[in-house]
PDB file of N, CA and C in Angstrom:
ATOM      1  N   UNK A   1     -72.086  61.171 -69.656  1.00  0.00           N
ATOM      2  CA  UNK A   1     -73.292  60.544 -70.150  1.00  0.00           C
ATOM      3  C   UNK A   1     -73.232  59.057 -69.813  1.00  0.00           C
ATOM      4  N   UNK A   2     -74.305  58.504 -69.262  1.00  0.00           N
ATOM      5  CA  UNK A   2     -74.292  57.069 -68.958  1.00  0.00           C
ATOM      6  C   UNK A   2     -74.264  56.260 -70.253  1.00  0.00           C
ATOM      7  N   UNK A   3     -73.690  55.080 -70.162  1.00  0.00           N
ATOM      8  CA  UNK A   3     -73.639  54.210 -71.334  1.00  0.00           C
ATOM      9  C   UNK A   3     -74.059  52.798 -70.952  1.00  0.00           C
ATOM     10  N   UNK A   4     -74.700  52.154 -71.871  1.00  0.00           N
ATOM     11  CA  UNK A   4     -75.090  50.758 -71.703  1.00  0.00           C
ATOM     12  C   UNK A   4     -74.438  49.910 -72.783  1.00  0.00           C
ATOM     13  N   UNK A   5     -73.352  50.435 -73.345  1.00  0.00           N
ATOM     14  CA  UNK A   5     -72.624  49.755 -74.408  1.00  0.00           C
ATOM     15  C   UNK A   5     -71.561  48.854 -73.786  1.00  0.00           C
ATOM     16  N   UNK A   6     -71.559  47.603 -74.214  1.00  0.00           N
ATOM     17  CA  UNK A   6     -70.537  46.651 -73.789  1.00  0.00           C
ATOM     18  C   UNK A   6     -69.568  46.462 -74.956  1.00  0.00           C
ATOM     19  N   UNK A   7     -68.377  45.998 -74.646  1.00  0.00           N
ATOM     20  CA  UNK A   7     -67.351  45.765 -75.664  1.00  0.00           C
ATOM     21  C   UNK A   7     -67.303  44.300 -76.067  1.00  0.00           C
ATOM     22  N   UNK A   8     -67.137  44.076 -77.353  1.00  0.00           N
ATOM     23  CA  UNK A   8     -66.822  42.748 -77.875  1.00  0.00           C
ATOM     24  C   UNK A   8     -65.410  42.863 -78.426  1.00  0.00           C
ATOM     25  N   UNK A   9     -64.487  42.065 -77.900  1.00  0.00           N
ATOM     26  CA  UNK A   9     -63.082  42.261 -78.240  1.00  0.00           C
ATOM     27  C   UNK A   9     -62.463  41.129 -79.058  1.00  0.00           C
ATOM     28  N   UNK A  10     -63.209  40.064 -79.298  1.00  0.00           N
ATOM     29  CA  UNK A  10     -62.673  38.955 -80.094  1.00  0.00           C
ATOM     30  C   UNK A  10     -63.733  38.467 -81.079  1.00  0.00           C
ATOM     31  N   UNK A  11     -63.279  37.768 -82.099  1.00  0.00           N
ATOM     32  CA  UNK A  11     -64.204  37.187 -83.066  1.00  0.00           C
ATOM     33  C   UNK A  11     -65.137  36.184 -82.387  1.00  0.00           C
ATOM     34  N   UNK A  12     -64.629  35.451 -81.407  1.00  0.00           N
ATOM     35  CA  UNK A  12     -65.465  34.486 -80.680  1.00  0.00           C
ATOM     36  C   UNK A  12     -66.573  35.188 -79.900  1.00  0.00           C
ATOM     37  N   UNK A  13     -66.262  36.328 -79.297  1.00  0.00           N
ATOM     38  CA  UNK A  13     -67.296  37.086 -78.588  1.00  0.00           C
ATOM     39  C   UNK A  13     -68.375  37.561 -79.560  1.00  0.00           C
ATOM     40  N   UNK A  14     -67.957  37.974 -80.749  1.00  0.00           N
ATOM     41  CA  UNK A  14     -68.934  38.402 -81.749  1.00  0.00           C
ATOM     42  C   UNK A  14     -69.882  37.262 -82.098  1.00  0.00           C
ATOM     43  N   UNK A  15     -69.343  36.088 -82.315  1.00  0.00           N
ATOM     44  CA  UNK A  15     -70.185  34.938 -82.663  1.00  0.00           C
ATOM     45  C   UNK A  15     -71.149  34.597 -81.531  1.00  0.00           C
ATOM     46  N   UNK A  16     -70.726  34.778 -80.281  1.00  0.00           N
ATOM     47  CA  UNK A  16     -71.612  34.478 -79.154  1.00  0.00           C
ATOM     48  C   UNK A  16     -72.801  35.447 -79.107  1.00  0.00           C
ATOM     49  N   UNK A  17     -72.657  36.606 -79.733  1.00  0.00           N
ATOM     50  CA  UNK A  17     -73.765  37.560 -79.759  1.00  0.00           C
ATOM     51  C   UNK A  17     -74.934  37.047 -80.598  1.00  0.00           C
ATOM     52  N   UNK A  18     -74.654  36.187 -81.565  1.00  0.00           N
ATOM     53  CA  UNK A  18     -75.736  35.602 -82.368  1.00  0.00           C
ATOM     54  C   UNK A  18     -76.675  34.791 -81.485  1.00  0.00           C
ATOM     55  N   UNK A  19     -76.109  34.047 -80.542  1.00  0.00           N
ATOM     56  CA  UNK A  19     -76.917  33.254 -79.610  1.00  0.00           C
ATOM     57  C   UNK A  19     -77.672  34.186 -78.671  1.00  0.00           C
ATOM     58  N   UNK A  20     -77.002  35.194 -78.152  1.00  0.00           N
ATOM     59  CA  UNK A  20     -77.616  36.173 -77.259  1.00  0.00           C
ATOM     60  C   UNK A  20     -78.812  36.849 -77.931  1.00  0.00           C
ATOM     61  N   UNK A  21     -78.692  37.094 -79.236  1.00  0.00           N
ATOM     62  CA  UNK A  21     -79.730  37.805 -79.979  1.00  0.00           C
ATOM     63  C   UNK A  21     -81.014  36.994 -80.133  1.00  0.00           C
ATOM     64  N   UNK A  22     -80.962  35.715 -79.834  1.00  0.00           N
ATOM     65  CA  UNK A  22     -82.188  34.920 -79.903  1.00  0.00           C
ATOM     66  C   UNK A  22     -83.138  35.283 -78.767  1.00  0.00           C
ATOM     67  N   UNK A  23     -82.610  35.857 -77.696  1.00  0.00           N
ATOM     68  CA  UNK A  23     -83.420  36.275 -76.554  1.00  0.00           C
ATOM     69  C   UNK A  23     -83.780  37.757 -76.597  1.00  0.00           C
ATOM     70  N   UNK A  24     -82.844  38.567 -77.090  1.00  0.00           N
ATOM     71  CA  UNK A  24     -83.022  40.023 -77.107  1.00  0.00           C
ATOM     72  C   UNK A  24     -82.184  40.579 -78.258  1.00  0.00           C
ATOM     73  N   UNK A  25     -82.730  41.502 -79.065  1.00  0.00           N
ATOM     74  CA  UNK A  25     -81.943  42.057 -80.168  1.00  0.00           C
ATOM     75  C   UNK A  25     -80.628  42.664 -79.676  1.00  0.00           C
ATOM     76  N   UNK A  26     -79.612  42.577 -80.523  1.00  0.00           N
ATOM     77  CA  UNK A  26     -78.296  43.104 -80.205  1.00  0.00           C
ATOM     78  C   UNK A  26     -77.883  44.087 -81.302  1.00  0.00           C
ATOM     79  N   UNK A  27     -77.631  45.331 -80.918  1.00  0.00           N
ATOM     80  CA  UNK A  27     -77.065  46.326 -81.837  1.00  0.00           C
ATOM     81  C   UNK A  27     -75.556  46.236 -81.704  1.00  0.00           C
ATOM     82  N   UNK A  28     -74.882  46.116 -82.834  1.00  0.00           N
ATOM     83  CA  UNK A  28     -73.434  45.930 -82.833  1.00  0.00           C
ATOM     84  C   UNK A  28     -72.801  46.961 -83.754  1.00  0.00           C
ATOM     85  N   UNK A  29     -71.985  47.817 -83.176  1.00  0.00           N
ATOM     86  CA  UNK A  29     -71.290  48.860 -83.923  1.00  0.00           C
ATOM     87  C   UNK A  29     -69.835  48.456 -84.117  1.00  0.00           C
ATOM     88  N   UNK A  30     -69.419  48.361 -85.376  1.00  0.00           N
ATOM     89  CA  UNK A  30     -68.011  48.147 -85.698  1.00  0.00           C
ATOM     90  C   UNK A  30     -67.393  49.520 -85.900  1.00  0.00           C
ATOM     91  N   UNK A  31     -66.281  49.771 -85.233  1.00  0.00           N
ATOM     92  CA  UNK A  31     -65.673  51.090 -85.252  1.00  0.00           C
ATOM     93  C   UNK A  31     -64.157  50.989 -85.171  1.00  0.00           C
ATOM     94  N   UNK A  32     -63.485  52.056 -85.541  1.00  0.00           N
ATOM     95  CA  UNK A  32     -62.040  52.112 -85.346  1.00  0.00           C
ATOM     96  C   UNK A  32     -61.697  52.988 -84.146  1.00  0.00           C
ATOM     97  N   UNK A  33     -62.700  53.611 -83.554  1.00  0.00           N
ATOM     98  CA  UNK A  33     -62.495  54.520 -82.424  1.00  0.00           C
ATOM     99  C   UNK A  33     -62.225  53.750 -81.131  1.00  0.00           C
ATOM    100  N   UNK A  34     -61.359  54.302 -80.303  1.00  0.00           N
ATOM    101  CA  UNK A  34     -61.041  53.684 -79.019  1.00  0.00           C
ATOM    102  C   UNK A  34     -62.155  53.905 -78.006  1.00  0.00           C
ATOM    103  N   UNK A  35     -62.886  55.007 -78.145  1.00  0.00           N
ATOM    104  CA  UNK A  35     -63.954  55.338 -77.204  1.00  0.00           C
ATOM    105  C   UNK A  35     -65.308  55.265 -77.892  1.00  0.00           C
ATOM    106  N   UNK A  36     -66.315  54.909 -77.130  1.00  0.00           N
ATOM    107  CA  UNK A  36     -67.680  54.872 -77.649  1.00  0.00           C
ATOM    108  C   UNK A  36     -68.156  56.310 -77.866  1.00  0.00           C
ATOM    109  N   UNK A  37     -68.743  56.556 -79.016  1.00  0.00           N
ATOM    110  CA  UNK A  37     -69.184  57.910 -79.342  1.00  0.00           C
ATOM    111  C   UNK A  37     -70.389  58.324 -78.497  1.00  0.00           C
ATOM    112  N   UNK A  38     -70.555  59.626 -78.261  1.00  0.00           N
ATOM    113  CA  UNK A  38     -71.744  60.100 -77.552  1.00  0.00           C
ATOM    114  C   UNK A  38     -73.045  59.688 -78.252  1.00  0.00           C
ATOM    115  N   UNK A  39     -73.042  59.645 -79.578  1.00  0.00           N
ATOM    116  CA  UNK A  39     -74.237  59.241 -80.314  1.00  0.00           C
ATOM    117  C   UNK A  39     -74.645  57.816 -79.933  1.00  0.00           C
ATOM    118  N   UNK A  40     -73.701  56.887 -79.934  1.00  0.00           N
ATOM    119  CA  UNK A  40     -74.013  55.498 -79.608  1.00  0.00           C
ATOM    120  C   UNK A  40     -74.375  55.339 -78.133  1.00  0.00           C
ATOM    121  N   UNK A  41     -73.714  56.103 -77.267  1.00  0.00           N
ATOM    122  CA  UNK A  41     -74.070  56.097 -75.845  1.00  0.00           C
ATOM    123  C   UNK A  41     -75.510  56.556 -75.648  1.00  0.00           C
ATOM    124  N   UNK A  42     -75.898  57.619 -76.357  1.00  0.00           N
ATOM    125  CA  UNK A  42     -77.257  58.146 -76.229  1.00  0.00           C
ATOM    126  C   UNK A  42     -78.281  57.125 -76.723  1.00  0.00           C
ATOM    127  N   UNK A  43     -77.990  56.463 -77.825  1.00  0.00           N
ATOM    128  CA  UNK A  43     -78.900  55.424 -78.314  1.00  0.00           C
ATOM    129  C   UNK A  43     -79.037  54.304 -77.292  1.00  0.00           C
ATOM    130  N   UNK A  44     -77.917  53.897 -76.717  1.00  0.00           N
ATOM    131  CA  UNK A  44     -77.962  52.823 -75.716  1.00  0.00           C
ATOM    132  C   UNK A  44     -78.750  53.257 -74.488  1.00  0.00           C
ATOM    133  N   UNK A  45     -78.614  54.505 -74.120  1.00  0.00           N
ATOM    134  CA  UNK A  45     -79.338  55.020 -72.958  1.00  0.00           C
ATOM    135  C   UNK A  45     -80.849  55.007 -73.202  1.00  0.00           C
ATOM    136  N   UNK A  46     -81.245  55.357 -74.411  1.00  0.00           N
ATOM    137  CA  UNK A  46     -82.676  55.411 -74.740  1.00  0.00           C
ATOM    138  C   UNK A  46     -83.307  54.039 -74.941  1.00  0.00           C
ATOM    139  N   UNK A  47     -82.551  53.073 -75.468  1.00  0.00           N
ATOM    140  CA  UNK A  47     -83.150  51.812 -75.914  1.00  0.00           C
ATOM    141  C   UNK A  47     -82.623  50.566 -75.216  1.00  0.00           C
ATOM    142  N   UNK A  48     -81.808  50.725 -74.168  1.00  0.00           N
ATOM    143  CA  UNK A  48     -81.145  49.567 -73.552  1.00  0.00           C
ATOM    144  C   UNK A  48     -82.104  48.543 -72.942  1.00  0.00           C
ATOM    145  N   UNK A  49     -83.305  48.938 -72.630  1.00  0.00           N
ATOM    146  CA  UNK A  49     -84.245  47.976 -72.038  1.00  0.00           C
ATOM    147  C   UNK A  49     -84.724  46.958 -73.071  1.00  0.00           C
ATOM    148  N   UNK A  50     -84.688  47.335 -74.338  1.00  0.00           N
ATOM    149  CA  UNK A  50     -85.190  46.460 -75.399  1.00  0.00           C
ATOM    150  C   UNK A  50     -84.112  45.897 -76.310  1.00  0.00           C
ATOM    151  N   UNK A  51     -82.962  46.560 -76.346  1.00  0.00           N
ATOM    152  CA  UNK A  51     -81.869  46.152 -77.230  1.00  0.00           C
ATOM    153  C   UNK A  51     -80.567  46.186 -76.433  1.00  0.00           C
ATOM    154  N   UNK A  52     -79.749  45.139 -76.572  1.00  0.00           N
ATOM    155  CA  UNK A  52     -78.408  45.158 -75.987  1.00  0.00           C
ATOM    156  C   UNK A  52     -77.468  45.835 -76.984  1.00  0.00           C
ATOM    157  N   UNK A  53     -76.585  46.685 -76.482  1.00  0.00           N
ATOM    158  CA  UNK A  53     -75.670  47.442 -77.325  1.00  0.00           C
ATOM    159  C   UNK A  53     -74.229  46.974 -77.106  1.00  0.00           C
ATOM    160  N   UNK A  54     -73.545  46.710 -78.215  1.00  0.00           N
ATOM    161  CA  UNK A  54     -72.150  46.301 -78.183  1.00  0.00           C
ATOM    162  C   UNK A  54     -71.367  47.108 -79.207  1.00  0.00           C
ATOM    163  N   UNK A  55     -70.092  47.293 -78.936  1.00  0.00           N
ATOM    164  CA  UNK A  55     -69.171  47.936 -79.871  1.00  0.00           C
ATOM    165  C   UNK A  55     -67.960  47.034 -80.028  1.00  0.00           C
ATOM    166  N   UNK A  56     -67.429  46.986 -81.241  1.00  0.00           N
ATOM    167  CA  UNK A  56     -66.246  46.171 -81.520  1.00  0.00           C
ATOM    168  C   UNK A  56     -65.278  46.983 -82.373  1.00  0.00           C
ATOM    169  N   UNK A  57     -64.029  47.037 -81.928  1.00  0.00           N
ATOM    170  CA  UNK A  57     -62.996  47.744 -82.707  1.00  0.00           C
ATOM    171  C   UNK A  57     -62.502  46.847 -83.826  1.00  0.00           C
ATOM    172  N   UNK A  58     -62.422  47.416 -85.005  1.00  0.00           N
ATOM    173  CA  UNK A  58     -61.967  46.642 -86.156  1.00  0.00           C
ATOM    174  C   UNK A  58     -60.571  46.058 -85.946  1.00  0.00           C
ATOM    175  N   UNK A  59     -59.702  46.787 -85.274  1.00  0.00           N
ATOM    176  CA  UNK A  59     -58.336  46.311 -85.050  1.00  0.00           C
ATOM    177  C   UNK A  59     -58.280  45.140 -84.073  1.00  0.00           C
ATOM    178  N   UNK A  60     -59.298  44.979 -83.263  1.00  0.00           N
ATOM    179  CA  UNK A  60     -59.322  43.869 -82.291  1.00  0.00           C
ATOM    180  C   UNK A  60     -59.994  42.624 -82.861  1.00  0.00           C
ATOM    181  N   UNK A  61     -61.114  42.797 -83.579  1.00  0.00           N
ATOM    182  CA  UNK A  61     -61.877  41.634 -84.041  1.00  0.00           C
ATOM    183  C   UNK A  61     -61.473  41.176 -85.434  1.00  0.00           C
ATOM    184  N   UNK A  62     -60.895  42.067 -86.220  1.00  0.00           N
ATOM    185  CA  UNK A  62     -60.423  41.712 -87.553  1.00  0.00           C
ATOM    186  C   UNK A  62     -61.470  41.848 -88.646  1.00  0.00           C
ATOM    187  N   UNK A  63     -60.969  42.036 -89.863  1.00  0.00           N
ATOM    188  CA  UNK A  63     -61.848  42.250 -91.011  1.00  0.00           C
ATOM    189  C   UNK A  63     -62.672  41.011 -91.357  1.00  0.00           C
ATOM    190  N   UNK A  64     -62.105  39.830 -91.174  1.00  0.00           N
ATOM    191  CA  UNK A  64     -62.843  38.612 -91.495  1.00  0.00           C
ATOM    192  C   UNK A  64     -64.084  38.487 -90.613  1.00  0.00           C
ATOM    193  N   UNK A  65     -63.940  38.774 -89.321  1.00  0.00           N
ATOM    194  CA  UNK A  65     -65.084  38.729 -88.409  1.00  0.00           C
ATOM    195  C   UNK A  65     -66.128  39.759 -88.810  1.00  0.00           C
ATOM    196  N   UNK A  66     -65.687  40.937 -89.223  1.00  0.00           N
ATOM    197  CA  UNK A  66     -66.622  41.973 -89.658  1.00  0.00           C
ATOM    198  C   UNK A  66     -67.400  41.514 -90.887  1.00  0.00           C
ATOM    199  N   UNK A  67     -66.720  40.899 -91.844  1.00  0.00           N
ATOM    200  CA  UNK A  67     -67.380  40.440 -93.068  1.00  0.00           C
ATOM    201  C   UNK A  67     -68.457  39.406 -92.776  1.00  0.00           C
ATOM    202  N   UNK A  68     -68.282  38.611 -91.719  1.00  0.00           N
ATOM    203  CA  UNK A  68     -69.294  37.621 -91.351  1.00  0.00           C
ATOM    204  C   UNK A  68     -70.609  38.290 -90.954  1.00  0.00           C
ATOM    205  N   UNK A  69     -70.542  39.567 -90.610  1.00  0.00           N
ATOM    206  CA  UNK A  69     -71.734  40.327 -90.251  1.00  0.00           C
ATOM    207  C   UNK A  69     -72.143  41.292 -91.369  1.00  0.00           C
ATOM    208  N   UNK A  70     -71.530  41.149 -92.526  1.00  0.00           N
ATOM    209  CA  UNK A  70     -71.880  41.979 -93.666  1.00  0.00           C
ATOM    210  C   UNK A  70     -71.296  43.372 -93.643  1.00  0.00           C
ATOM    211  N   UNK A  71     -70.262  43.583 -92.830  1.00  0.00           N
ATOM    212  CA  UNK A  71     -69.656  44.906 -92.702  1.00  0.00           C
ATOM    213  C   UNK A  71     -68.280  44.879 -93.366  1.00  0.00           C
ATOM    214  N   UNK A  72     -68.073  45.807 -94.308  1.00  0.00           N
ATOM    215  CA  UNK A  72     -66.787  45.855 -94.997  1.00  0.00           C
ATOM    216  C   UNK A  72     -66.002  47.122 -94.711  1.00  0.00           C
ATOM    217  N   UNK A  73     -66.600  48.060 -93.992  1.00  0.00           N
ATOM    218  CA  UNK A  73     -65.873  49.264 -93.587  1.00  0.00           C
ATOM    219  C   UNK A  73     -66.471  49.793 -92.288  1.00  0.00           C
ATOM    220  N   UNK A  74     -65.685  50.586 -91.590  1.00  0.00           N
ATOM    221  CA  UNK A  74     -66.153  51.185 -90.344  1.00  0.00           C
ATOM    222  C   UNK A  74     -66.429  52.665 -90.573  1.00  0.00           C
ATOM    223  N   UNK A  75     -67.349  53.235 -89.845  1.00  0.00           N
ATOM    224  CA  UNK A  75     -68.230  52.551 -88.903  1.00  0.00           C
ATOM    225  C   UNK A  75     -69.309  51.760 -89.634  1.00  0.00           C
ATOM    226  N   UNK A  76     -69.723  50.687 -89.007  1.00  0.00           N
ATOM    227  CA  UNK A  76     -70.781  49.841 -89.537  1.00  0.00           C
ATOM    228  C   UNK A  76     -71.674  49.384 -88.402  1.00  0.00           C
ATOM    229  N   UNK A  77     -72.978  49.511 -88.586  1.00  0.00           N
ATOM    230  CA  UNK A  77     -73.945  49.147 -87.551  1.00  0.00           C
ATOM    231  C   UNK A  77     -74.849  48.047 -88.055  1.00  0.00           C
ATOM    232  N   UNK A  78     -74.976  46.998 -87.262  1.00  0.00           N
ATOM    233  CA  UNK A  78     -75.892  45.905 -87.564  1.00  0.00           C
ATOM    234  C   UNK A  78     -76.725  45.601 -86.325  1.00  0.00           C
ATOM    235  N   UNK A  79     -77.870  44.959 -86.565  1.00  0.00           N
ATOM    236  CA  UNK A  79     -78.685  44.456 -85.464  1.00  0.00           C
ATOM    237  C   UNK A  79     -78.884  42.969 -85.684  1.00  0.00           C
ATOM    238  N   UNK A  80     -78.600  42.213 -84.651  1.00  0.00           N
ATOM    239  CA  UNK A  80     -78.779  40.764 -84.679  1.00  0.00           C
ATOM    240  C   UNK A  80     -80.110  40.437 -84.028  1.00  0.00           C
ATOM    241  N   UNK A  81     -80.891  39.621 -84.715  1.00  0.00           N
ATOM    242  CA  UNK A  81     -82.190  39.231 -84.179  1.00  0.00           C
ATOM    243  C   UNK A  81     -82.474  37.785 -84.542  1.00  0.00           C
ATOM    244  N   UNK A  82     -82.586  36.949 -83.555  1.00  0.00           N
ATOM    245  CA  UNK A  82     -82.974  35.569 -83.781  1.00  0.00           C
ATOM    246  C   UNK A  82     -82.213  34.869 -84.887  1.00  0.00           C
ATOM    247  N   UNK A  83     -80.920  35.073 -84.954  1.00  0.00           N
ATOM    248  CA  UNK A  83     -80.103  34.423 -85.960  1.00  0.00           C
ATOM    249  C   UNK A  83     -79.919  35.222 -87.234  1.00  0.00           C
ATOM    250  N   UNK A  84     -80.686  36.290 -87.429  1.00  0.00           N
ATOM    251  CA  UNK A  84     -80.560  37.119 -88.621  1.00  0.00           C
ATOM    252  C   UNK A  84     -79.774  38.385 -88.340  1.00  0.00           C
ATOM    253  N   UNK A  85     -79.325  39.011 -89.412  1.00  0.00           N
ATOM    254  CA  UNK A  85     -78.560  40.247 -89.296  1.00  0.00           C
ATOM    255  C   UNK A  85     -79.196  41.290 -90.206  1.00  0.00           C
ATOM    256  N   UNK A  86     -79.515  42.457 -89.642  1.00  0.00           N
ATOM    257  CA  UNK A  86     -80.006  43.584 -90.431  1.00  0.00           C
ATOM    258  C   UNK A  86     -78.941  44.666 -90.377  1.00  0.00           C
ATOM    259  N   UNK A  87     -78.521  45.146 -91.549  1.00  0.00           N
ATOM    260  CA  UNK A  87     -77.462  46.142 -91.624  1.00  0.00           C
ATOM    261  C   UNK A  87     -78.079  47.524 -91.823  1.00  0.00           C
ATOM    262  N   UNK A  88     -77.610  48.475 -91.027  1.00  0.00           N
ATOM    263  CA  UNK A  88     -78.054  49.864 -91.161  1.00  0.00           C
ATOM    264  C   UNK A  88     -77.258  50.521 -92.282  1.00  0.00           C
ATOM    265  N   UNK A  89     -77.961  51.209 -93.180  1.00  0.00           N
ATOM    266  CA  UNK A  89     -77.266  51.824 -94.309  1.00  0.00           C
ATOM    267  C   UNK A  89     -77.535  53.322 -94.434  1.00  0.00           C
ATOM    268  N   UNK A  90     -78.216  53.904 -93.452  1.00  0.00           N
ATOM    269  CA  UNK A  90     -78.517  55.326 -93.511  1.00  0.00           C
ATOM    270  C   UNK A  90     -77.397  56.185 -92.954  1.00  0.00           C
ATOM    271  N   UNK A  91     -77.718  57.465 -92.798  1.00  0.00           N
ATOM    272  CA  UNK A  91     -76.764  58.424 -92.234  1.00  0.00           C
ATOM    273  C   UNK A  91     -76.539  58.132 -90.757  1.00  0.00           C
ATOM    274  N   UNK A  92     -75.331  58.375 -90.289  1.00  0.00           N
ATOM    275  CA  UNK A  92     -75.015  58.145 -88.881  1.00  0.00           C
ATOM    276  C   UNK A  92     -75.431  59.365 -88.064  1.00  0.00           C
ATOM    277  N   UNK A  93     -76.729  59.531 -87.960  1.00  0.00           N
ATOM    278  CA  UNK A  93     -77.331  60.621 -87.195  1.00  0.00           C
ATOM    279  C   UNK A  93     -78.298  60.012 -86.205  1.00  0.00           C
ATOM    280  N   UNK A  94     -78.357  60.600 -85.007  1.00  0.00           N
ATOM    281  CA  UNK A  94     -79.130  60.050 -83.906  1.00  0.00           C
ATOM    282  C   UNK A  94     -80.580  59.754 -84.300  1.00  0.00           C
ATOM    283  N   UNK A  95     -81.286  60.750 -84.814  1.00  0.00           N
ATOM    284  CA  UNK A  95     -82.711  60.572 -85.107  1.00  0.00           C
ATOM    285  C   UNK A  95     -82.955  59.482 -86.146  1.00  0.00           C
ATOM    286  N   UNK A  96     -82.095  59.412 -87.143  1.00  0.00           N
ATOM    287  CA  UNK A  96     -82.277  58.410 -88.190  1.00  0.00           C
ATOM    288  C   UNK A  96     -81.995  56.995 -87.690  1.00  0.00           C
ATOM    289  N   UNK A  97     -80.951  56.849 -86.908  1.00  0.00           N
ATOM    290  CA  UNK A  97     -80.647  55.520 -86.361  1.00  0.00           C
ATOM    291  C   UNK A  97     -81.730  55.101 -85.371  1.00  0.00           C
ATOM    292  N   UNK A  98     -82.155  56.030 -84.532  1.00  0.00           N
ATOM    293  CA  UNK A  98     -83.192  55.699 -83.550  1.00  0.00           C
ATOM    294  C   UNK A  98     -84.487  55.296 -84.248  1.00  0.00           C
ATOM    295  N   UNK A  99     -84.844  55.993 -85.321  1.00  0.00           N
ATOM    296  CA  UNK A  99     -86.057  55.640 -86.070  1.00  0.00           C
ATOM    297  C   UNK A  99     -85.939  54.233 -86.660  1.00  0.00           C
ATOM    298  N   UNK A 100     -84.732  53.845 -87.063  1.00  0.00           N
ATOM    299  CA  UNK A 100     -84.512  52.505 -87.601  1.00  0.00           C
ATOM    300  C   UNK A 100     -84.571  51.444 -86.492  1.00  0.00           C
ATOM    301  N   UNK A 101     -84.034  51.789 -85.320  1.00  0.00           N
ATOM    302  CA  UNK A 101     -84.004  50.837 -84.208  1.00  0.00           C
ATOM    303  C   UNK A 101     -85.332  50.710 -83.472  1.00  0.00           C
ATOM    304  N   UNK A 102     -86.127  51.759 -83.470  1.00  0.00           N
ATOM    305  CA  UNK A 102     -87.346  51.782 -82.653  1.00  0.00           C
ATOM    306  C   UNK A 102     -88.296  50.618 -82.948  1.00  0.00           C
ATOM    307  N   UNK A 103     -88.604  50.297 -84.206  1.00  0.00           N
ATOM    308  CA  UNK A 103     -89.480  49.140 -84.434  1.00  0.00           C
ATOM    309  C   UNK A 103     -88.880  47.837 -83.909  1.00  0.00           C
ATOM    310  N   UNK A 104     -87.573  47.717 -83.982  1.00  0.00           N
ATOM    311  CA  UNK A 104     -86.904  46.526 -83.455  1.00  0.00           C
ATOM    312  C   UNK A 104     -87.074  46.485 -81.936  1.00  0.00           C
ATOM    313  N   UNK A 105     -86.901  47.627 -81.286  1.00  0.00           N
ATOM    314  CA  UNK A 105     -87.062  47.706 -79.831  1.00  0.00           C
ATOM    315  C   UNK A 105     -88.482  47.386 -79.415  1.00  0.00           C
ATOM    316  N   UNK A 106     -89.434  47.723 -80.260  1.00  0.00           N
ATOM    317  CA  UNK A 106     -90.846  47.483 -79.943  1.00  0.00           C
ATOM    318  C   UNK A 106     -91.305  46.091 -80.342  1.00  0.00           C
ATOM    319  N   UNK A 107     -90.399  45.291 -80.891  1.00  0.00           N
ATOM    320  CA  UNK A 107     -90.721  43.909 -81.200  1.00  0.00           C
ATOM    321  C   UNK A 107     -91.372  43.686 -82.553  1.00  0.00           C
ATOM    322  N   UNK A 108     -91.338  44.682 -83.428  1.00  0.00           N
ATOM    323  CA  UNK A 108     -91.911  44.524 -84.757  1.00  0.00           C
ATOM    324  C   UNK A 108     -91.077  43.548 -85.569  1.00  0.00           C
ATOM    325  N   UNK A 109     -91.706  42.867 -86.514  1.00  0.00           N
ATOM    326  CA  UNK A 109     -90.910  41.997 -87.387  1.00  0.00           C
ATOM    327  C   UNK A 109     -89.848  42.806 -88.110  1.00  0.00           C
ATOM    328  N   UNK A 110     -88.663  42.246 -88.226  1.00  0.00           N
ATOM    329  CA  UNK A 110     -87.544  42.939 -88.833  1.00  0.00           C
ATOM    330  C   UNK A 110     -87.170  42.289 -90.149  1.00  0.00           C
ATOM    331  N   UNK A 111     -86.725  43.098 -91.095  1.00  0.00           N
ATOM    332  CA  UNK A 111     -86.158  42.483 -92.295  1.00  0.00           C
ATOM    333  C   UNK A 111     -84.893  41.742 -91.894  1.00  0.00           C
ATOM    334  N   UNK A 112     -84.732  40.514 -92.369  1.00  0.00           N
ATOM    335  CA  UNK A 112     -83.566  39.745 -91.964  1.00  0.00           C
ATOM    336  C   UNK A 112     -82.778  39.296 -93.165  1.00  0.00           C
ATOM    337  N   UNK A 113     -81.517  39.275 -92.970  1.00  0.00           N
ATOM    338  CA  UNK A 113     -80.598  38.772 -93.981  1.00  0.00           C
ATOM    339  C   UNK A 113     -79.705  37.765 -93.271  1.00  0.00           C
ATOM    340  N   UNK A 114     -79.737  36.543 -93.686  1.00  0.00           N
ATOM    341  CA  UNK A 114     -78.912  35.525 -93.046  1.00  0.00           C
ATOM    342  C   UNK A 114     -77.470  35.701 -93.489  1.00  0.00           C
ATOM    343  N   UNK A 115     -76.569  35.855 -92.537  1.00  0.00           N
ATOM    344  CA  UNK A 115     -75.139  35.965 -92.836  1.00  0.00           C
ATOM    345  C   UNK A 115     -74.378  34.963 -92.004  1.00  0.00           C
TER     346      UNK A 115
END
């Protein structure tokens, strides 16, 4: 399956995504898995034109970096938009995540939480 997911491997790379998100939304998955899941690959394949997809391993970026994005356990999914962070809190199922991401991909105003 093709993937459009890039890796963020340091806390500094994570912080640089906030700047990147001012131009295009960034979906960021915090995970303990070494490989990107098929679910996240499929989401990236469907929405990569409107949202940049990144994955970060908790063991590489550290818990402190995760907390800066409002994530206290893995897996955790957030979307960065124009300096704000929206945290996904639903079930980790393709249709539900895609339904949450779709308005963001279409440019709709997003609920934002400054972190």
